[in-house]
Amino acid sequence: MGDYIANVMMNRIVFLTGMLSVGMLTSCKSLSKLTARDNSASKTAPAKTTATAQQREFLDGIEVTPGAAVTSRHKTSTTNAAAGAGKDKVSTTAKEMSSFNIERAGYLQLKYAVIIDATVEKLTNIPLLETIDKWWGTKYCMGGSTTDCIDCSAFTQVLMRDVFNTTLPRTAQEQFDNSEKIDLADLQEGDLVFFHTSGRKKDITHVGVYLLNNKFVHAATSGGVMISDLNEKYWQPRFRGAGRAK
C-alpha cells in the first residue's frame, strides 16, 4: 500500500514537472516573439523617424495660415500689383510710341535726303521735316493761309512760327524789309530767300525758307508747297537776296 501511494505521488510529480516545463517553454517562446516584435519595432521606428526627418524641410519665407494657401512672407498687395501692371502697360505704350516716332523720323530723313540731295545725317531738324511734310503739296492761292490753299508769305509765317518760334510780318516785302541781310555764303537753315517774280523789278514778290545744299521750301504758284533749288533756271535770275529774321 505504501509503495502504491509512493508511485502515485511520483507520477504526479513527474506530470507536474512536465507540465511546468511545457508552460515555461511556451512562455519563453511567447516572450521571445514579443521581444522580437518589440526589437523589430524599435528597429523600424528610427527608420520611420529618419524618413520623416528627411521629408520635413523648412523653407525660409514660407508661412501657412489656417484656411489659406501657402503664401510668401513678403505679401503682395493686389492693388499694388494692379497699379504695377498699369504702369507696365503705360511704359509699354510709351515705348511703342517712342519706337513709332523714331521710325517716322527715319522715314522723313530718308525721304527728304533724296529730295534735297543730302546725307541723312545732315537732316537733324525733325520738326522742320514734319512741318514740310504736313504742308507738302498744299496748293497755292493768293491770300490763302490754310491747308486748303496758302500763299508764299503765309507759308513762311507758319513754318517760322511752328519750327523756329519766330514771328514774321504778313507779306514777302515786309519780311524782306524786317530781316537782316546776309550773303549767300552765310545762308543757314531757317534763313529767308527773296525773289522778284512779277511787277516792278525792285518789288519782292516771293519768299521761301532756306534748308541746305542750295535748296529752299516755299509755296509756289505752279506746284504749291514744294522744294526748289536756287540754281534752277527759273529762280536764279529772279533771286534778290537772303535775310535772317530779327
C-alpha atoms as a PDB file:
ATOM      1  CA  MET A   1       0.000   0.000   0.000  1.00  0.00           C
ATOM      2  CA  GLY A   2       2.785   2.347   0.861  1.00  0.00           C
ATOM      3  CA  ASP A   3       4.568   1.576  -2.400  1.00  0.00           C
ATOM      4  CA  TYR A   4       1.380   2.277  -4.398  1.00  0.00           C
ATOM      5  CA  ILE A   5       0.939   5.705  -2.794  1.00  0.00           C
ATOM      6  CA  ALA A   6       4.607   6.473  -3.383  1.00  0.00           C
ATOM      7  CA  ASN A   7       4.266   5.581  -7.079  1.00  0.00           C
ATOM      8  CA  VAL A   8       1.181   7.732  -7.481  1.00  0.00           C
ATOM      9  CA  MET A   9       2.906  10.709  -5.873  1.00  0.00           C
ATOM     10  CA  MET A  10       5.947  10.196  -8.055  1.00  0.00           C
ATOM     11  CA  ASN A  11       3.799  10.056 -11.202  1.00  0.00           C
ATOM     12  CA  ARG A  12       2.059  13.289 -10.195  1.00  0.00           C
ATOM     13  CA  ILE A  13       5.370  14.974  -9.528  1.00  0.00           C
ATOM     14  CA  VAL A  14       6.651  13.880 -12.963  1.00  0.00           C
ATOM     15  CA  PHE A  15       3.383  15.045 -14.603  1.00  0.00           C
ATOM     16  CA  LEU A  16       3.519  18.396 -12.850  1.00  0.00           C
ATOM     17  CA  THR A  17       7.171  18.790 -13.716  1.00  0.00           C
ATOM     18  CA  GLY A  18       6.420  18.076 -17.347  1.00  0.00           C
ATOM     19  CA  MET A  19       3.537  20.487 -17.444  1.00  0.00           C
ATOM     20  CA  LEU A  20       5.662  23.113 -15.789  1.00  0.00           C
ATOM     21  CA  SER A  21       8.382  22.582 -18.370  1.00  0.00           C
ATOM     22  CA  VAL A  22       5.897  22.888 -21.230  1.00  0.00           C
ATOM     23  CA  GLY A  23       4.485  26.049 -19.706  1.00  0.00           C
ATOM     24  CA  MET A  24       7.881  27.563 -19.319  1.00  0.00           C
ATOM     25  CA  LEU A  25       8.831  26.685 -22.867  1.00  0.00           C
ATOM     26  CA  THR A  26       5.619  28.194 -24.162  1.00  0.00           C
ATOM     27  CA  SER A  27       6.161  31.351 -22.121  1.00  0.00           C
ATOM     28  CA  CYS A  28       9.720  31.653 -23.375  1.00  0.00           C
ATOM     29  CA  LYS A  29       8.598  31.322 -26.991  1.00  0.00           C
ATOM     30  CA  SER A  30       5.890  33.927 -26.468  1.00  0.00           C
ATOM     31  CA  LEU A  31       8.309  36.166 -24.718  1.00  0.00           C
ATOM     32  CA  SER A  32      10.800  35.602 -27.493  1.00  0.00           C
ATOM     33  CA  LYS A  33       8.185  36.537 -30.085  1.00  0.00           C
ATOM     34  CA  LEU A  34       7.166  39.578 -28.152  1.00  0.00           C
ATOM     35  CA  THR A  35      10.765  40.583 -27.680  1.00  0.00           C
ATOM     36  CA  ALA A  36      11.444  40.020 -31.353  1.00  0.00           C
ATOM     37  CA  ARG A  37       8.384  42.095 -32.266  1.00  0.00           C
ATOM     38  CA  ASP A  38       9.498  44.819 -29.921  1.00  0.00           C
ATOM     39  CA  ASN A  39      13.003  44.709 -31.351  1.00  0.00           C
ATOM     40  CA  SER A  40      11.577  44.876 -34.848  1.00  0.00           C
ATOM     41  CA  ALA A  41       9.515  47.882 -33.885  1.00  0.00           C
ATOM     42  CA  SER A  42      12.485  49.505 -32.294  1.00  0.00           C
ATOM     43  CA  LYS A  43      14.493  48.908 -35.451  1.00  0.00           C
ATOM     44  CA  THR A  44      11.862  50.196 -37.866  1.00  0.00           C
ATOM     45  CA  ALA A  45      10.877  53.169 -35.716  1.00  0.00           C
ATOM     46  CA  PRO A  46      14.154  55.012 -36.257  1.00  0.00           C
ATOM     47  CA  ALA A  47      13.823  54.346 -39.976  1.00  0.00           C
ATOM     48  CA  LYS A  48      10.348  55.870 -39.922  1.00  0.00           C
ATOM     49  CA  THR A  49      11.633  58.797 -37.917  1.00  0.00           C
ATOM     50  CA  THR A  50      14.543  59.243 -40.327  1.00  0.00           C
ATOM     51  CA  ALA A  51      12.184  59.246 -43.308  1.00  0.00           C
ATOM     52  CA  THR A  52      10.015  61.848 -41.608  1.00  0.00           C
ATOM     53  CA  ALA A  53      13.045  63.923 -40.798  1.00  0.00           C
ATOM     54  CA  GLN A  54      14.175  63.729 -44.421  1.00  0.00           C
ATOM     55  CA  GLN A  55      10.789  64.818 -45.688  1.00  0.00           C
ATOM     56  CA  ARG A  56      10.443  67.651 -43.225  1.00  0.00           C
ATOM     57  CA  GLU A  57      12.293  70.627 -44.747  1.00  0.00           C
ATOM     58  CA  PHE A  58      11.833  74.153 -43.527  1.00  0.00           C
ATOM     59  CA  LEU A  59      11.850  76.834 -46.217  1.00  0.00           C
ATOM     60  CA  ASP A  60      12.566  80.420 -45.323  1.00  0.00           C
ATOM     61  CA  GLY A  61       9.952  82.942 -46.279  1.00  0.00           C
ATOM     62  CA  ILE A  62       7.065  80.468 -46.250  1.00  0.00           C
ATOM     63  CA  GLU A  63       4.132  80.535 -43.862  1.00  0.00           C
ATOM     64  CA  VAL A  64       0.908  78.593 -43.643  1.00  0.00           C
ATOM     65  CA  THR A  65      -2.235  80.248 -42.348  1.00  0.00           C
ATOM     66  CA  PRO A  66      -5.209  78.043 -41.434  1.00  0.00           C
ATOM     67  CA  GLY A  67      -7.815  78.171 -44.141  1.00  0.00           C
ATOM     68  CA  ALA A  68      -5.427  79.801 -46.631  1.00  0.00           C
ATOM     69  CA  ALA A  69      -2.974  78.662 -49.264  1.00  0.00           C
ATOM     70  CA  VAL A  70       0.769  78.803 -48.787  1.00  0.00           C
ATOM     71  CA  THR A  71       1.959  82.333 -49.416  1.00  0.00           C
ATOM     72  CA  SER A  72       5.162  84.239 -49.245  1.00  0.00           C
ATOM     73  CA  ARG A  73       6.017  86.088 -46.091  1.00  0.00           C
ATOM     74  CA  HIS A  74       6.553  89.131 -48.259  1.00  0.00           C
ATOM     75  CA  LYS A  75       2.906  89.670 -49.083  1.00  0.00           C
ATOM     76  CA  THR A  76       1.973  91.332 -52.355  1.00  0.00           C
ATOM     77  CA  SER A  77      -0.831  93.833 -52.403  1.00  0.00           C
ATOM     78  CA  THR A  78      -3.429  93.224 -55.102  1.00  0.00           C
ATOM     79  CA  THR A  79      -3.825  96.966 -55.511  1.00  0.00           C
ATOM     80  CA  ASN A  80      -0.117  97.478 -55.945  1.00  0.00           C
ATOM     81  CA  ALA A  81       0.037  94.606 -58.377  1.00  0.00           C
ATOM     82  CA  ALA A  82      -2.734  96.139 -60.436  1.00  0.00           C
ATOM     83  CA  ALA A  83      -1.047  99.511 -60.297  1.00  0.00           C
ATOM     84  CA  GLY A  84       2.212  97.911 -61.316  1.00  0.00           C
ATOM     85  CA  ALA A  85       0.508  96.209 -64.239  1.00  0.00           C
ATOM     86  CA  GLY A  86      -0.936  99.533 -65.315  1.00  0.00           C
ATOM     87  CA  LYS A  87       2.471 101.151 -65.028  1.00  0.00           C
ATOM     88  CA  ASP A  88       3.980  98.407 -67.165  1.00  0.00           C
ATOM     89  CA  LYS A  89       1.218  98.973 -69.708  1.00  0.00           C
ATOM     90  CA  VAL A  90       1.909 102.712 -69.766  1.00  0.00           C
ATOM     91  CA  SER A  91       5.637 102.043 -70.068  1.00  0.00           C
ATOM     92  CA  THR A  92       4.961  99.636 -72.934  1.00  0.00           C
ATOM     93  CA  THR A  93       2.749 102.176 -74.635  1.00  0.00           C
ATOM     94  CA  ALA A  94       5.395 104.857 -74.172  1.00  0.00           C
ATOM     95  CA  LYS A  95       7.998 102.539 -75.687  1.00  0.00           C
ATOM     96  CA  GLU A  96       5.761 101.758 -78.624  1.00  0.00           C
ATOM     97  CA  MET A  97       5.165 105.474 -79.216  1.00  0.00           C
ATOM     98  CA  SER A  98       8.879 106.153 -78.945  1.00  0.00           C
ATOM     99  CA  SER A  99       9.592 103.399 -81.471  1.00  0.00           C
ATOM    100  CA  PHE A 100       6.934 104.823 -83.799  1.00  0.00           C
ATOM    101  CA  ASN A 101       8.427 108.330 -83.580  1.00  0.00           C
ATOM    102  CA  ILE A 102      11.897 107.031 -84.344  1.00  0.00           C
ATOM    103  CA  GLU A 103      10.611 105.131 -87.377  1.00  0.00           C
ATOM    104  CA  ARG A 104       8.680 108.197 -88.537  1.00  0.00           C
ATOM    105  CA  ALA A 105      11.738 110.419 -88.154  1.00  0.00           C
ATOM    106  CA  GLY A 106      13.874 107.923 -90.038  1.00  0.00           C
ATOM    107  CA  TYR A 107      11.356 107.791 -92.870  1.00  0.00           C
ATOM    108  CA  LEU A 108      11.234 111.597 -93.183  1.00  0.00           C
ATOM    109  CA  GLN A 109      15.014 111.833 -93.130  1.00  0.00           C
ATOM    110  CA  LEU A 110      15.309 109.309 -95.930  1.00  0.00           C
ATOM    111  CA  LYS A 111      12.518 110.924 -97.942  1.00  0.00           C
ATOM    112  CA  TYR A 112      13.882 114.451 -97.800  1.00  0.00           C
ATOM    113  CA  ALA A 113      17.519 113.392 -98.062  1.00  0.00           C
ATOM    114  CA  VAL A 114      16.645 112.222-101.581  1.00  0.00           C
ATOM    115  CA  ILE A 115      14.724 115.412-102.421  1.00  0.00           C
ATOM    116  CA  ILE A 116      17.380 117.750-101.013  1.00  0.00           C
ATOM    117  CA  ASP A 117      20.232 115.587-102.335  1.00  0.00           C
ATOM    118  CA  ALA A 118      21.909 115.474 -98.921  1.00  0.00           C
ATOM    119  CA  THR A 119      23.029 112.787 -96.489  1.00  0.00           C
ATOM    120  CA  VAL A 120      20.592 111.626 -93.833  1.00  0.00           C
ATOM    121  CA  GLU A 121      22.983 112.686 -91.071  1.00  0.00           C
ATOM    122  CA  LYS A 122      22.571 116.338 -92.075  1.00  0.00           C
ATOM    123  CA  LEU A 123      18.790 116.287 -91.645  1.00  0.00           C
ATOM    124  CA  THR A 124      18.594 116.560 -87.875  1.00  0.00           C
ATOM    125  CA  ASN A 125      15.748 119.092 -87.578  1.00  0.00           C
ATOM    126  CA  ILE A 126      12.857 116.635 -87.380  1.00  0.00           C
ATOM    127  CA  PRO A 127      10.179 119.275 -86.528  1.00  0.00           C
ATOM    128  CA  LEU A 128      11.162 121.103 -89.714  1.00  0.00           C
ATOM    129  CA  LEU A 129      10.780 117.940 -91.784  1.00  0.00           C
ATOM    130  CA  GLU A 130       7.453 117.164 -90.132  1.00  0.00           C
ATOM    131  CA  THR A 131       6.125 120.656 -90.893  1.00  0.00           C
ATOM    132  CA  ILE A 132       7.231 120.475 -94.506  1.00  0.00           C
ATOM    133  CA  ASP A 133       5.664 117.048 -94.862  1.00  0.00           C
ATOM    134  CA  LYS A 134       2.413 118.270 -93.325  1.00  0.00           C
ATOM    135  CA  TRP A 135       2.112 121.087 -95.858  1.00  0.00           C
ATOM    136  CA  TRP A 136       3.688 119.269 -98.804  1.00  0.00           C
ATOM    137  CA  GLY A 137       1.638 119.656-101.966  1.00  0.00           C
ATOM    138  CA  THR A 138      -0.807 122.194-100.500  1.00  0.00           C
ATOM    139  CA  LYS A 139      -1.929 124.268-103.477  1.00  0.00           C
ATOM    140  CA  TYR A 140      -1.125 127.945-103.869  1.00  0.00           C
ATOM    141  CA  CYS A 141      -3.695 130.736-103.730  1.00  0.00           C
ATOM    142  CA  MET A 142      -3.148 134.440-103.217  1.00  0.00           C
ATOM    143  CA  GLY A 143      -4.092 135.434 -99.651  1.00  0.00           C
ATOM    144  CA  GLY A 144      -4.581 131.823 -98.527  1.00  0.00           C
ATOM    145  CA  SER A 145      -3.313 130.635 -95.159  1.00  0.00           C
ATOM    146  CA  THR A 146      -4.846 127.187 -94.582  1.00  0.00           C
ATOM    147  CA  THR A 147      -4.174 123.611 -95.609  1.00  0.00           C
ATOM    148  CA  ASP A 148      -6.747 124.088 -98.378  1.00  0.00           C
ATOM    149  CA  CYS A 149      -4.531 126.680-100.072  1.00  0.00           C
ATOM    150  CA  ILE A 150      -1.777 129.056 -98.983  1.00  0.00           C
ATOM    151  CA  ASP A 151       0.455 131.767-100.449  1.00  0.00           C
ATOM    152  CA  CYS A 152       4.226 132.066-100.103  1.00  0.00           C
ATOM    153  CA  SER A 153       4.456 134.595 -97.244  1.00  0.00           C
ATOM    154  CA  ALA A 154       1.734 132.882 -95.190  1.00  0.00           C
ATOM    155  CA  PHE A 155       3.632 129.596 -95.524  1.00  0.00           C
ATOM    156  CA  THR A 156       6.899 131.152 -94.312  1.00  0.00           C
ATOM    157  CA  GLN A 157       4.953 132.696 -91.407  1.00  0.00           C
ATOM    158  CA  VAL A 158       3.575 129.318 -90.341  1.00  0.00           C
ATOM    159  CA  LEU A 159       6.855 127.449 -90.752  1.00  0.00           C
ATOM    160  CA  MET A 160       8.973 130.030 -88.923  1.00  0.00           C
ATOM    161  CA  ARG A 161       6.427 130.216 -86.107  1.00  0.00           C
ATOM    162  CA  ASP A 162       5.986 126.469 -85.611  1.00  0.00           C
ATOM    163  CA  VAL A 163       9.590 125.366 -86.098  1.00  0.00           C
ATOM    164  CA  PHE A 164      11.795 128.345 -85.163  1.00  0.00           C
ATOM    165  CA  ASN A 165       9.434 130.176 -82.785  1.00  0.00           C
ATOM    166  CA  THR A 166       9.831 133.344 -84.857  1.00  0.00           C
ATOM    167  CA  THR A 167       7.100 135.824 -85.799  1.00  0.00           C
ATOM    168  CA  LEU A 168       7.195 137.318 -89.285  1.00  0.00           C
ATOM    169  CA  PRO A 169       5.158 140.096 -90.945  1.00  0.00           C
ATOM    170  CA  ARG A 170       2.462 139.053 -93.405  1.00  0.00           C
ATOM    171  CA  THR A 171       3.813 139.940 -96.865  1.00  0.00           C
ATOM    172  CA  ALA A 172       7.006 138.943 -98.667  1.00  0.00           C
ATOM    173  CA  GLN A 173       8.071 142.589 -98.983  1.00  0.00           C
ATOM    174  CA  GLU A 174       7.558 143.198 -95.247  1.00  0.00           C
ATOM    175  CA  GLN A 175       9.524 140.080 -94.388  1.00  0.00           C
ATOM    176  CA  PHE A 176      12.368 141.306 -96.600  1.00  0.00           C
ATOM    177  CA  ASP A 177      12.325 144.759 -95.049  1.00  0.00           C
ATOM    178  CA  ASN A 178      12.364 143.354 -91.498  1.00  0.00           C
ATOM    179  CA  SER A 179      15.154 140.826 -91.937  1.00  0.00           C
ATOM    180  CA  GLU A 180      18.916 141.150 -91.513  1.00  0.00           C
ATOM    181  CA  LYS A 181      20.547 140.912 -94.951  1.00  0.00           C
ATOM    182  CA  ILE A 182      23.166 138.144 -95.338  1.00  0.00           C
ATOM    183  CA  ASP A 183      25.384 136.842 -98.123  1.00  0.00           C
ATOM    184  CA  LEU A 184      24.684 133.619 -99.966  1.00  0.00           C
ATOM    185  CA  ALA A 185      27.791 132.058 -98.444  1.00  0.00           C
ATOM    186  CA  ASP A 186      26.346 132.646 -94.952  1.00  0.00           C
ATOM    187  CA  LEU A 187      22.977 131.039 -95.576  1.00  0.00           C
ATOM    188  CA  GLN A 188      21.837 128.686 -92.821  1.00  0.00           C
ATOM    189  CA  GLU A 189      18.818 126.536 -92.230  1.00  0.00           C
ATOM    190  CA  GLY A 190      15.865 128.772 -91.370  1.00  0.00           C
ATOM    191  CA  ASP A 191      17.065 131.866 -93.247  1.00  0.00           C
ATOM    192  CA  LEU A 192      14.754 133.548 -95.765  1.00  0.00           C
ATOM    193  CA  VAL A 193      15.357 133.790 -99.508  1.00  0.00           C
ATOM    194  CA  PHE A 194      13.617 136.500-101.558  1.00  0.00           C
ATOM    195  CA  PHE A 195      12.663 136.772-105.233  1.00  0.00           C
ATOM    196  CA  HIS A 196      11.116 139.142-107.714  1.00  0.00           C
ATOM    197  CA  THR A 197       8.659 137.249-109.912  1.00  0.00           C
ATOM    198  CA  SER A 198       6.337 139.967-111.277  1.00  0.00           C
ATOM    199  CA  GLY A 199       5.634 143.734-111.264  1.00  0.00           C
ATOM    200  CA  ARG A 200       8.315 146.309-110.733  1.00  0.00           C
ATOM    201  CA  LYS A 201      11.840 144.925-110.579  1.00  0.00           C
ATOM    202  CA  LYS A 202      12.516 146.253-107.087  1.00  0.00           C
ATOM    203  CA  ASP A 203       9.492 144.598-105.535  1.00  0.00           C
ATOM    204  CA  ILE A 204       9.876 141.404-103.501  1.00  0.00           C
ATOM    205  CA  THR A 205       7.020 139.219-104.603  1.00  0.00           C
ATOM    206  CA  HIS A 206       8.095 135.754-103.449  1.00  0.00           C
ATOM    207  CA  VAL A 207       9.782 134.258-100.360  1.00  0.00           C
ATOM    208  CA  GLY A 208      10.905 130.852 -99.152  1.00  0.00           C
ATOM    209  CA  VAL A 209      12.794 129.257 -96.262  1.00  0.00           C
ATOM    210  CA  TYR A 210      16.331 128.003 -96.863  1.00  0.00           C
ATOM    211  CA  LEU A 211      17.151 124.400 -95.975  1.00  0.00           C
ATOM    212  CA  LEU A 212      20.630 123.368 -97.112  1.00  0.00           C
ATOM    213  CA  ASN A 213      22.550 122.411-100.219  1.00  0.00           C
ATOM    214  CA  ASN A 214      21.049 125.413-102.131  1.00  0.00           C
ATOM    215  CA  LYS A 215      17.536 124.054-101.519  1.00  0.00           C
ATOM    216  CA  PHE A 216      14.593 126.052-100.133  1.00  0.00           C
ATOM    217  CA  VAL A 217      10.971 125.221 -99.327  1.00  0.00           C
ATOM    218  CA  HIS A 218       8.171 127.520-100.466  1.00  0.00           C
ATOM    219  CA  ALA A 219       4.606 127.751-101.723  1.00  0.00           C
ATOM    220  CA  ALA A 220       4.953 128.105-105.496  1.00  0.00           C
ATOM    221  CA  THR A 221       2.206 129.218-107.854  1.00  0.00           C
ATOM    222  CA  SER A 222       2.976 126.277-110.135  1.00  0.00           C
ATOM    223  CA  GLY A 223       3.091 123.354-107.717  1.00  0.00           C
ATOM    224  CA  GLY A 224       2.050 124.537-104.274  1.00  0.00           C
ATOM    225  CA  VAL A 225       4.301 123.747-101.281  1.00  0.00           C
ATOM    226  CA  MET A 226       7.472 122.192-102.620  1.00  0.00           C
ATOM    227  CA  ILE A 227      11.271 122.272-102.506  1.00  0.00           C
ATOM    228  CA  SER A 228      13.276 124.028-105.215  1.00  0.00           C
ATOM    229  CA  ASP A 229      16.917 124.844-105.958  1.00  0.00           C
ATOM    230  CA  LEU A 230      18.365 128.370-106.030  1.00  0.00           C
ATOM    231  CA  ASN A 231      20.337 127.405-109.125  1.00  0.00           C
ATOM    232  CA  GLU A 232      17.292 126.414-111.167  1.00  0.00           C
ATOM    233  CA  LYS A 233      16.914 128.409-114.383  1.00  0.00           C
ATOM    234  CA  TYR A 234      13.680 129.967-113.229  1.00  0.00           C
ATOM    235  CA  TRP A 235      14.795 131.021-109.728  1.00  0.00           C
ATOM    236  CA  GLN A 236      18.420 132.041-110.257  1.00  0.00           C
ATOM    237  CA  PRO A 237      17.728 135.215-112.296  1.00  0.00           C
ATOM    238  CA  ARG A 238      14.841 136.178-110.005  1.00  0.00           C
ATOM    239  CA  PHE A 239      16.787 135.891-106.764  1.00  0.00           C
ATOM    240  CA  ARG A 240      17.009 139.221-104.894  1.00  0.00           C
ATOM    241  CA  GLY A 241      18.765 138.374-101.662  1.00  0.00           C
ATOM    242  CA  ALA A 242      18.745 136.451 -98.386  1.00  0.00           C
ATOM    243  CA  GLY A 243      17.784 137.556 -94.920  1.00  0.00           C
ATOM    244  CA  ARG A 244      17.770 136.351 -91.331  1.00  0.00           C
ATOM    245  CA  ALA A 245      14.714 137.023 -89.213  1.00  0.00           C
ATOM    246  CA  LYS A 246      15.410 139.533 -86.440  1.00  0.00           C
END
